[in-house]
Amino acid sequence: MAKPDTSAYESFEDISGRLDQIIDLVRDKETSLERSLDLFDEAIALGSKAVDLVDATDFSAREQAQLADSHAPQAAGDGQAEPTTSGD
């Protein structure tokens, strides 16, 4: 099976939009299984391209700080208890 052509999707927003379209198509009961599998392959290729785009992104110091700040509350309040020791 040939790899789907994702060259038309240059930005994360383009990829996200196409993935939304794929979701709608796959959910449609009129879409055949074969077509759904082709769409799945396309979604995998688009996901890989999105990862490559994110990995290649150079964030400014300000953007890096914003990302760190946005993840800090999740790490502190992720709902998992700290391990405790018994027998002290």
C-alpha atoms as a PDB file:
ATOM      1  CA  MET A   1       0.000   0.000   0.000  1.00  0.00           C
ATOM      2  CA  ALA A   2       1.362   3.410  -0.978  1.00  0.00           C
ATOM      3  CA  LYS A   3       1.910   6.019   1.684  1.00  0.00           C
ATOM      4  CA  PRO A   4      -0.761   8.752   1.518  1.00  0.00           C
ATOM      5  CA  ASP A   5       0.384  12.081   0.067  1.00  0.00           C
ATOM      6  CA  THR A   6       0.431  14.674   2.835  1.00  0.00           C
ATOM      7  CA  SER A   7       2.426  17.321   0.952  1.00  0.00           C
ATOM      8  CA  ALA A   8      -0.595  19.642   0.674  1.00  0.00           C
ATOM      9  CA  TYR A   9      -0.676  20.070   4.461  1.00  0.00           C
ATOM     10  CA  GLU A  10       2.067  22.476   5.515  1.00  0.00           C
ATOM     11  CA  SER A  11       0.826  23.769   8.872  1.00  0.00           C
ATOM     12  CA  PHE A  12      -0.431  22.211  12.059  1.00  0.00           C
ATOM     13  CA  GLU A  13      -3.784  23.924  11.484  1.00  0.00           C
ATOM     14  CA  ASP A  14      -4.063  22.371   7.991  1.00  0.00           C
ATOM     15  CA  ILE A  15      -3.336  18.939   9.410  1.00  0.00           C
ATOM     16  CA  SER A  16      -5.775  19.398  12.277  1.00  0.00           C
ATOM     17  CA  GLY A  17      -8.502  20.489   9.869  1.00  0.00           C
ATOM     18  CA  ARG A  18      -7.975  17.470   7.636  1.00  0.00           C
ATOM     19  CA  LEU A  19      -8.002  15.132  10.640  1.00  0.00           C
ATOM     20  CA  ASP A  20     -11.364  16.611  11.652  1.00  0.00           C
ATOM     21  CA  GLN A  21     -12.652  15.897   8.134  1.00  0.00           C
ATOM     22  CA  ILE A  22     -11.377  12.329   8.336  1.00  0.00           C
ATOM     23  CA  ILE A  23     -13.166  11.808  11.646  1.00  0.00           C
ATOM     24  CA  ASP A  24     -16.435  12.998  10.120  1.00  0.00           C
ATOM     25  CA  LEU A  25     -15.996  10.725   7.096  1.00  0.00           C
ATOM     26  CA  VAL A  26     -15.192   7.648   9.176  1.00  0.00           C
ATOM     27  CA  ARG A  27     -18.199   8.248  11.431  1.00  0.00           C
ATOM     28  CA  ASP A  28     -20.494   8.393   8.387  1.00  0.00           C
ATOM     29  CA  LYS A  29     -22.297   5.066   8.097  1.00  0.00           C
ATOM     30  CA  GLU A  30     -22.155   5.371   4.287  1.00  0.00           C
ATOM     31  CA  THR A  31     -18.342   5.197   4.294  1.00  0.00           C
ATOM     32  CA  SER A  32     -17.153   1.727   3.304  1.00  0.00           C
ATOM     33  CA  LEU A  33     -14.714  -0.272   5.396  1.00  0.00           C
ATOM     34  CA  GLU A  34     -12.101  -0.059   2.646  1.00  0.00           C
ATOM     35  CA  ARG A  35     -12.444   3.739   2.478  1.00  0.00           C
ATOM     36  CA  SER A  36     -12.299   3.944   6.280  1.00  0.00           C
ATOM     37  CA  LEU A  37      -9.034   1.988   6.271  1.00  0.00           C
ATOM     38  CA  ASP A  38      -7.590   4.304   3.613  1.00  0.00           C
ATOM     39  CA  LEU A  39      -8.624   7.284   5.736  1.00  0.00           C
ATOM     40  CA  PHE A  40      -7.023   5.650   8.777  1.00  0.00           C
ATOM     41  CA  ASP A  41      -3.741   5.334   6.854  1.00  0.00           C
ATOM     42  CA  GLU A  42      -3.987   8.984   5.866  1.00  0.00           C
ATOM     43  CA  ALA A  43      -4.641   9.980   9.484  1.00  0.00           C
ATOM     44  CA  ILE A  44      -1.546   8.069  10.627  1.00  0.00           C
ATOM     45  CA  ALA A  45       0.580   9.819   7.984  1.00  0.00           C
ATOM     46  CA  LEU A  46      -0.848  13.200   8.976  1.00  0.00           C
ATOM     47  CA  GLY A  47      -0.196  12.480  12.649  1.00  0.00           C
ATOM     48  CA  SER A  48       3.421  11.654  11.870  1.00  0.00           C
ATOM     49  CA  LYS A  49       3.770  14.872   9.898  1.00  0.00           C
ATOM     50  CA  ALA A  50       2.255  16.847  12.794  1.00  0.00           C
ATOM     51  CA  VAL A  51       4.788  15.315  15.185  1.00  0.00           C
ATOM     52  CA  ASP A  52       7.590  16.260  12.790  1.00  0.00           C
ATOM     53  CA  LEU A  53       6.274  19.834  12.620  1.00  0.00           C
ATOM     54  CA  VAL A  54       6.148  20.116  16.403  1.00  0.00           C
ATOM     55  CA  ASP A  55       9.618  18.589  16.792  1.00  0.00           C
ATOM     56  CA  ALA A  56      11.033  21.051  14.244  1.00  0.00           C
ATOM     57  CA  THR A  57       9.456  24.089  15.897  1.00  0.00           C
ATOM     58  CA  ASP A  58      11.845  26.525  17.538  1.00  0.00           C
ATOM     59  CA  PHE A  59      10.069  28.151  20.439  1.00  0.00           C
ATOM     60  CA  SER A  60      11.112  31.534  21.762  1.00  0.00           C
ATOM     61  CA  ALA A  61      12.108  31.811  25.405  1.00  0.00           C
ATOM     62  CA  ARG A  62       8.715  33.392  26.135  1.00  0.00           C
ATOM     63  CA  GLU A  63       6.840  30.557  24.392  1.00  0.00           C
ATOM     64  CA  GLN A  64       8.888  27.956  26.261  1.00  0.00           C
ATOM     65  CA  ALA A  65       8.041  29.648  29.564  1.00  0.00           C
ATOM     66  CA  GLN A  66       4.338  29.685  28.649  1.00  0.00           C
ATOM     67  CA  LEU A  67       4.451  25.985  27.799  1.00  0.00           C
ATOM     68  CA  ALA A  68       6.216  25.205  31.061  1.00  0.00           C
ATOM     69  CA  ASP A  69       3.667  27.244  33.019  1.00  0.00           C
ATOM     70  CA  SER A  70       0.751  25.546  31.290  1.00  0.00           C
ATOM     71  CA  HIS A  71       2.075  22.103  32.240  1.00  0.00           C
ATOM     72  CA  ALA A  72       3.015  22.969  35.832  1.00  0.00           C
ATOM     73  CA  PRO A  73      -0.547  22.809  37.277  1.00  0.00           C
ATOM     74  CA  GLN A  74      -1.087  19.422  35.635  1.00  0.00           C
ATOM     75  CA  ALA A  75       2.037  17.978  37.208  1.00  0.00           C
ATOM     76  CA  ALA A  76       1.150  19.325  40.652  1.00  0.00           C
ATOM     77  CA  GLY A  77      -2.481  18.285  40.605  1.00  0.00           C
ATOM     78  CA  ASP A  78      -2.546  15.143  38.524  1.00  0.00           C
ATOM     79  CA  GLY A  79      -4.593  13.314  41.138  1.00  0.00           C
ATOM     80  CA  GLN A  80      -1.961  10.765  42.010  1.00  0.00           C
ATOM     81  CA  ALA A  81      -0.971  10.424  45.615  1.00  0.00           C
ATOM     82  CA  GLU A  82       2.622  10.607  46.701  1.00  0.00           C
ATOM     83  CA  PRO A  83       4.070   7.236  47.672  1.00  0.00           C
ATOM     84  CA  THR A  84       4.292   6.773  51.410  1.00  0.00           C
ATOM     85  CA  THR A  85       6.519   4.573  53.505  1.00  0.00           C
ATOM     86  CA  SER A  86       5.201   2.492  56.327  1.00  0.00           C
ATOM     87  CA  GLY A  87       6.820   1.394  59.548  1.00  0.00           C
ATOM     88  CA  ASP A  88       8.453   4.668  60.508  1.00  0.00           C
END
